[in-house]
Amino acid sequence: MKTIQKLTLSALFLAIGFVFPFFTGQIPQIGSMLLPMHIPVFLCGLLCGWEYGLGVGLILPIVRSLVFGMPPLFPTAIAMAFELATYGGVIGYVYSHAKWQCIKQLYIALFISMIAGRVVWAIATCLLVGVSNVSAMMLINGAVLTAIPGIVVQLILIPMIMATLDKTKVVPFKKLPEVSKTQTM
């Protein structure tokens, strides 16, 4: 994919990330459960590459906070910036470096990036608000338990989108070349 295409898609994912949270009705409790900004960042990393996914993830929550006031800039949007940058960067890197690209590799990249992003979010939150103010249970609750509905949506929606893009040949999975039977004998 050419640079102009990647920049254009990245801008599209940034715009989607601005708009998706409006579907949660700007209710922070619903947004923290459904994670509406995460999906476009994951897709950006997958379709445009780790650099673009990292960049979109880094700027999306901060710019959205400055423009719309949600999420609150400190500490939420800043911690989310590190988290989303990690999601976009890690999923793009892991998926693009797989020998082949398929649903299985997509899930592997998705799980690795989800874990890495939540770890980075926990570290960023501790650094921003002070370790003494943050208990381990609050971090686990904030990073995993509250987000279970959003995690489920991501685990269903992202592979569905990627499978659809493959099926329509818009963005086909990268497969290993077929080895003919005569070459193996």
C-alpha atoms as a PDB file:
ATOM      1  CA  MET A   1       0.000   0.000   0.000  1.00  0.00           C
ATOM      2  CA  LYS A   2       1.329   3.396  -0.883  1.00  0.00           C
ATOM      3  CA  THR A   3       2.044   6.149   1.636  1.00  0.00           C
ATOM      4  CA  ILE A   4      -0.795   8.383   0.412  1.00  0.00           C
ATOM      5  CA  GLN A   5      -3.257   5.501   0.811  1.00  0.00           C
ATOM      6  CA  LYS A   6      -1.977   4.766   4.319  1.00  0.00           C
ATOM      7  CA  LEU A   7      -2.214   8.426   5.317  1.00  0.00           C
ATOM      8  CA  THR A   8      -5.737   8.654   3.927  1.00  0.00           C
ATOM      9  CA  LEU A   9      -6.850   5.495   5.706  1.00  0.00           C
ATOM     10  CA  SER A  10      -5.200   6.700   8.921  1.00  0.00           C
ATOM     11  CA  ALA A  11      -7.134   9.967   8.692  1.00  0.00           C
ATOM     12  CA  LEU A  12     -10.313   7.950   8.144  1.00  0.00           C
ATOM     13  CA  PHE A  13      -9.612   5.821  11.215  1.00  0.00           C
ATOM     14  CA  LEU A  14      -8.871   8.966  13.219  1.00  0.00           C
ATOM     15  CA  ALA A  15     -12.232  10.408  12.136  1.00  0.00           C
ATOM     16  CA  ILE A  16     -14.004   7.156  12.995  1.00  0.00           C
ATOM     17  CA  GLY A  17     -12.324   7.241  16.403  1.00  0.00           C
ATOM     18  CA  PHE A  18     -13.705  10.750  16.919  1.00  0.00           C
ATOM     19  CA  VAL A  19     -17.241   9.708  15.957  1.00  0.00           C
ATOM     20  CA  PHE A  20     -17.624   6.206  17.484  1.00  0.00           C
ATOM     21  CA  PRO A  21     -17.766   7.466  21.093  1.00  0.00           C
ATOM     22  CA  PHE A  22     -20.838   9.527  20.228  1.00  0.00           C
ATOM     23  CA  PHE A  23     -22.699   6.226  19.768  1.00  0.00           C
ATOM     24  CA  THR A  24     -22.149   5.505  23.460  1.00  0.00           C
ATOM     25  CA  GLY A  25     -24.054   8.698  24.202  1.00  0.00           C
ATOM     26  CA  GLN A  26     -21.051  10.368  25.821  1.00  0.00           C
ATOM     27  CA  ILE A  27     -21.758   8.339  28.970  1.00  0.00           C
ATOM     28  CA  PRO A  28     -18.294   7.531  30.362  1.00  0.00           C
ATOM     29  CA  GLN A  29     -19.443   4.271  31.993  1.00  0.00           C
ATOM     30  CA  ILE A  30     -20.758   2.931  28.672  1.00  0.00           C
ATOM     31  CA  GLY A  31     -17.708   4.159  26.776  1.00  0.00           C
ATOM     32  CA  SER A  32     -15.339   2.475  29.231  1.00  0.00           C
ATOM     33  CA  MET A  33     -17.259  -0.766  28.711  1.00  0.00           C
ATOM     34  CA  LEU A  34     -17.519  -0.689  24.900  1.00  0.00           C
ATOM     35  CA  LEU A  35     -14.131   0.935  24.137  1.00  0.00           C
ATOM     36  CA  PRO A  36     -15.265   2.746  20.972  1.00  0.00           C
ATOM     37  CA  MET A  37     -11.910   4.399  20.180  1.00  0.00           C
ATOM     38  CA  HIS A  38     -10.029   1.103  20.261  1.00  0.00           C
ATOM     39  CA  ILE A  39     -11.519  -0.518  17.150  1.00  0.00           C
ATOM     40  CA  PRO A  40     -10.341   2.079  14.594  1.00  0.00           C
ATOM     41  CA  VAL A  41      -6.863   2.048  16.153  1.00  0.00           C
ATOM     42  CA  PHE A  42      -6.625  -1.758  15.887  1.00  0.00           C
ATOM     43  CA  LEU A  43      -7.816  -1.610  12.274  1.00  0.00           C
ATOM     44  CA  CYS A  44      -5.367   1.179  11.454  1.00  0.00           C
ATOM     45  CA  GLY A  45      -2.472  -0.892  12.779  1.00  0.00           C
ATOM     46  CA  LEU A  46      -3.630  -3.933  10.816  1.00  0.00           C
ATOM     47  CA  LEU A  47      -4.322  -2.183   7.515  1.00  0.00           C
ATOM     48  CA  CYS A  48      -1.786   0.648   7.473  1.00  0.00           C
ATOM     49  CA  GLY A  49       1.079  -0.751   9.537  1.00  0.00           C
ATOM     50  CA  TRP A  50       2.426  -0.373  13.026  1.00  0.00           C
ATOM     51  CA  GLU A  51       3.742   3.166  12.531  1.00  0.00           C
ATOM     52  CA  TYR A  52       0.343   4.524  11.503  1.00  0.00           C
ATOM     53  CA  GLY A  53      -1.515   2.533  14.159  1.00  0.00           C
ATOM     54  CA  LEU A  54       0.862   3.864  16.800  1.00  0.00           C
ATOM     55  CA  GLY A  55       0.448   7.432  15.581  1.00  0.00           C
ATOM     56  CA  VAL A  56      -3.349   7.340  15.379  1.00  0.00           C
ATOM     57  CA  GLY A  57      -3.530   5.659  18.780  1.00  0.00           C
ATOM     58  CA  LEU A  58      -1.263   8.273  20.318  1.00  0.00           C
ATOM     59  CA  ILE A  59      -3.086  11.356  19.069  1.00  0.00           C
ATOM     60  CA  LEU A  60      -6.727  10.169  19.029  1.00  0.00           C
ATOM     61  CA  PRO A  61      -7.576  10.357  22.755  1.00  0.00           C
ATOM     62  CA  ILE A  62      -5.625  13.558  23.365  1.00  0.00           C
ATOM     63  CA  VAL A  63      -7.080  15.461  20.398  1.00  0.00           C
ATOM     64  CA  ARG A  64     -10.569  14.121  21.156  1.00  0.00           C
ATOM     65  CA  SER A  65     -10.174  15.300  24.750  1.00  0.00           C
ATOM     66  CA  LEU A  66      -9.056  18.751  23.620  1.00  0.00           C
ATOM     67  CA  VAL A  67     -11.849  19.094  21.055  1.00  0.00           C
ATOM     68  CA  PHE A  68     -14.789  17.449  22.851  1.00  0.00           C
ATOM     69  CA  GLY A  69     -13.707  17.349  26.492  1.00  0.00           C
ATOM     70  CA  MET A  70     -14.050  13.563  26.585  1.00  0.00           C
ATOM     71  CA  PRO A  71     -12.213  11.604  27.775  1.00  0.00           C
ATOM     72  CA  PRO A  72     -10.880  13.937  30.487  1.00  0.00           C
ATOM     73  CA  LEU A  73      -7.338  14.944  29.556  1.00  0.00           C
ATOM     74  CA  PHE A  74      -5.662  14.080  32.843  1.00  0.00           C
ATOM     75  CA  PRO A  75      -5.121  11.269  33.591  1.00  0.00           C
ATOM     76  CA  THR A  76      -7.573   9.410  31.340  1.00  0.00           C
ATOM     77  CA  ALA A  77      -6.744  10.680  27.822  1.00  0.00           C
ATOM     78  CA  ILE A  78      -3.010  10.710  28.465  1.00  0.00           C
ATOM     79  CA  ALA A  79      -3.010   7.124  29.781  1.00  0.00           C
ATOM     80  CA  MET A  80      -5.288   6.099  26.891  1.00  0.00           C
ATOM     81  CA  ALA A  81      -2.867   7.683  24.413  1.00  0.00           C
ATOM     82  CA  PHE A  82      -0.118   5.334  25.579  1.00  0.00           C
ATOM     83  CA  GLU A  83      -2.541   2.390  25.638  1.00  0.00           C
ATOM     84  CA  LEU A  84      -3.976   3.002  22.159  1.00  0.00           C
ATOM     85  CA  ALA A  85      -0.539   3.723  20.693  1.00  0.00           C
ATOM     86  CA  THR A  86       0.561   0.350  22.038  1.00  0.00           C
ATOM     87  CA  TYR A  87      -2.493  -1.378  20.544  1.00  0.00           C
ATOM     88  CA  GLY A  88      -1.970   0.126  17.111  1.00  0.00           C
ATOM     89  CA  GLY A  89       1.779  -0.377  17.097  1.00  0.00           C
ATOM     90  CA  VAL A  90       1.856  -3.910  18.490  1.00  0.00           C
ATOM     91  CA  ILE A  91      -1.003  -5.338  16.419  1.00  0.00           C
ATOM     92  CA  GLY A  92       0.456  -3.833  13.245  1.00  0.00           C
ATOM     93  CA  TYR A  93       3.958  -5.106  13.987  1.00  0.00           C
ATOM     94  CA  VAL A  94       2.983  -8.628  15.069  1.00  0.00           C
ATOM     95  CA  TYR A  95       0.490  -9.149  12.244  1.00  0.00           C
ATOM     96  CA  SER A  96       2.740  -7.757   9.501  1.00  0.00           C
ATOM     97  CA  HIS A  97       5.652  -9.932  10.619  1.00  0.00           C
ATOM     98  CA  ALA A  98       3.642 -13.159  10.607  1.00  0.00           C
ATOM     99  CA  LYS A  99       4.691 -15.686   7.952  1.00  0.00           C
ATOM    100  CA  TRP A 100       1.111 -15.733   6.722  1.00  0.00           C
ATOM    101  CA  GLN A 101      -1.951 -13.708   7.536  1.00  0.00           C
ATOM    102  CA  CYS A 102      -5.139 -15.469   8.463  1.00  0.00           C
ATOM    103  CA  ILE A 103      -7.754 -15.396  11.214  1.00  0.00           C
ATOM    104  CA  LYS A 104      -5.512 -17.423  13.551  1.00  0.00           C
ATOM    105  CA  GLN A 105      -2.603 -14.973  13.155  1.00  0.00           C
ATOM    106  CA  LEU A 106      -5.039 -12.083  13.520  1.00  0.00           C
ATOM    107  CA  TYR A 107      -6.256 -13.429  16.869  1.00  0.00           C
ATOM    108  CA  ILE A 108      -2.666 -13.965  18.030  1.00  0.00           C
ATOM    109  CA  ALA A 109      -1.769 -10.373  17.144  1.00  0.00           C
ATOM    110  CA  LEU A 110      -4.996  -9.113  18.726  1.00  0.00           C
ATOM    111  CA  PHE A 111      -4.391 -10.957  22.014  1.00  0.00           C
ATOM    112  CA  ILE A 112      -0.743  -9.865  22.229  1.00  0.00           C
ATOM    113  CA  SER A 113      -1.653  -6.242  21.553  1.00  0.00           C
ATOM    114  CA  MET A 114      -4.559  -6.313  24.034  1.00  0.00           C
ATOM    115  CA  ILE A 115      -2.306  -7.589  26.794  1.00  0.00           C
ATOM    116  CA  ALA A 116       0.512  -5.169  25.941  1.00  0.00           C
ATOM    117  CA  GLY A 117      -1.880  -2.206  25.758  1.00  0.00           C
ATOM    118  CA  ARG A 118      -3.429  -2.956  29.118  1.00  0.00           C
ATOM    119  CA  VAL A 119      -0.025  -3.354  30.752  1.00  0.00           C
ATOM    120  CA  VAL A 120       1.085  -0.018  29.278  1.00  0.00           C
ATOM    121  CA  TRP A 121      -2.169   1.591  30.429  1.00  0.00           C
ATOM    122  CA  ALA A 122      -1.597   0.325  33.981  1.00  0.00           C
ATOM    123  CA  ILE A 123       1.996   1.615  34.027  1.00  0.00           C
ATOM    124  CA  ALA A 124       0.980   4.979  32.562  1.00  0.00           C
ATOM    125  CA  THR A 125      -1.847   5.333  35.071  1.00  0.00           C
ATOM    126  CA  CYS A 126       0.487   4.523  37.972  1.00  0.00           C
ATOM    127  CA  LEU A 127       3.000   7.091  36.751  1.00  0.00           C
ATOM    128  CA  LEU A 128       0.356   9.770  36.155  1.00  0.00           C
ATOM    129  CA  VAL A 129      -1.586   9.493  39.411  1.00  0.00           C
ATOM    130  CA  GLY A 130       1.080   7.971  41.633  1.00  0.00           C
ATOM    131  CA  VAL A 131       1.481   4.367  42.600  1.00  0.00           C
ATOM    132  CA  SER A 132       0.259   5.015  46.147  1.00  0.00           C
ATOM    133  CA  ASN A 133      -3.121   6.197  44.853  1.00  0.00           C
ATOM    134  CA  VAL A 134      -3.744   3.193  42.646  1.00  0.00           C
ATOM    135  CA  SER A 135      -4.435  -0.238  44.056  1.00  0.00           C
ATOM    136  CA  ALA A 136      -3.857  -3.407  42.073  1.00  0.00           C
ATOM    137  CA  MET A 137      -7.585  -4.191  42.134  1.00  0.00           C
ATOM    138  CA  MET A 138      -8.422  -0.782  40.664  1.00  0.00           C
ATOM    139  CA  LEU A 139      -6.006  -1.418  37.807  1.00  0.00           C
ATOM    140  CA  ILE A 140      -7.344  -4.902  37.150  1.00  0.00           C
ATOM    141  CA  ASN A 141     -10.901  -3.592  37.301  1.00  0.00           C
ATOM    142  CA  GLY A 142     -10.119  -0.679  34.985  1.00  0.00           C
ATOM    143  CA  ALA A 143      -8.024  -2.649  32.511  1.00  0.00           C
ATOM    144  CA  VAL A 144      -9.991  -5.866  32.249  1.00  0.00           C
ATOM    145  CA  LEU A 145     -13.200  -6.321  34.204  1.00  0.00           C
ATOM    146  CA  THR A 146     -14.907  -3.086  33.183  1.00  0.00           C
ATOM    147  CA  ALA A 147     -13.795  -3.569  29.578  1.00  0.00           C
ATOM    148  CA  ILE A 148     -15.084  -7.138  29.074  1.00  0.00           C
ATOM    149  CA  PRO A 149     -18.013  -6.083  26.818  1.00  0.00           C
ATOM    150  CA  GLY A 150     -15.639  -4.023  24.652  1.00  0.00           C
ATOM    151  CA  ILE A 151     -13.092  -6.839  24.522  1.00  0.00           C
ATOM    152  CA  VAL A 152     -15.810  -9.232  23.326  1.00  0.00           C
ATOM    153  CA  VAL A 153     -16.929  -6.726  20.670  1.00  0.00           C
ATOM    154  CA  GLN A 154     -13.314  -6.338  19.493  1.00  0.00           C
ATOM    155  CA  LEU A 155     -12.743 -10.120  19.356  1.00  0.00           C
ATOM    156  CA  ILE A 156     -15.836 -10.498  17.168  1.00  0.00           C
ATOM    157  CA  LEU A 157     -15.868  -7.329  15.065  1.00  0.00           C
ATOM    158  CA  ILE A 158     -12.192  -6.953  14.076  1.00  0.00           C
ATOM    159  CA  PRO A 159     -11.807 -10.516  12.683  1.00  0.00           C
ATOM    160  CA  MET A 160     -15.181 -10.143  10.911  1.00  0.00           C
ATOM    161  CA  ILE A 161     -14.030  -6.937   9.231  1.00  0.00           C
ATOM    162  CA  MET A 162     -10.673  -8.424   8.238  1.00  0.00           C
ATOM    163  CA  ALA A 163     -12.320 -11.622   6.926  1.00  0.00           C
ATOM    164  CA  THR A 164     -14.744  -9.506   4.884  1.00  0.00           C
ATOM    165  CA  LEU A 165     -11.880  -7.455   3.461  1.00  0.00           C
ATOM    166  CA  ASP A 166     -10.119 -10.714   2.527  1.00  0.00           C
ATOM    167  CA  LYS A 167     -13.227 -12.263   1.001  1.00  0.00           C
ATOM    168  CA  THR A 168     -13.893  -9.189  -1.122  1.00  0.00           C
ATOM    169  CA  LYS A 169     -10.190  -9.059  -2.086  1.00  0.00           C
ATOM    170  CA  VAL A 170      -9.945  -5.460  -0.849  1.00  0.00           C
ATOM    171  CA  VAL A 171      -7.175  -6.467   1.580  1.00  0.00           C
ATOM    172  CA  PRO A 172      -6.430 -10.162   1.048  1.00  0.00           C
ATOM    173  CA  PHE A 173      -4.674 -12.235   3.677  1.00  0.00           C
ATOM    174  CA  LYS A 174      -1.027 -12.913   2.874  1.00  0.00           C
ATOM    175  CA  LYS A 175      -0.595 -16.634   2.414  1.00  0.00           C
ATOM    176  CA  LEU A 176       2.392 -18.885   1.914  1.00  0.00           C
ATOM    177  CA  PRO A 177       2.922 -19.783  -1.735  1.00  0.00           C
ATOM    178  CA  GLU A 178       1.424 -23.107  -2.724  1.00  0.00           C
ATOM    179  CA  VAL A 179       3.986 -25.838  -3.196  1.00  0.00           C
ATOM    180  CA  SER A 180       3.124 -28.152  -6.051  1.00  0.00           C
ATOM    181  CA  LYS A 181       3.255 -31.909  -5.511  1.00  0.00           C
ATOM    182  CA  THR A 182       5.975 -32.281  -8.170  1.00  0.00           C
ATOM    183  CA  GLN A 183       8.265 -29.914  -6.249  1.00  0.00           C
ATOM    184  CA  THR A 184       7.933 -31.925  -3.026  1.00  0.00           C
ATOM    185  CA  MET A 185       8.773 -35.298  -4.589  1.00  0.00           C
END
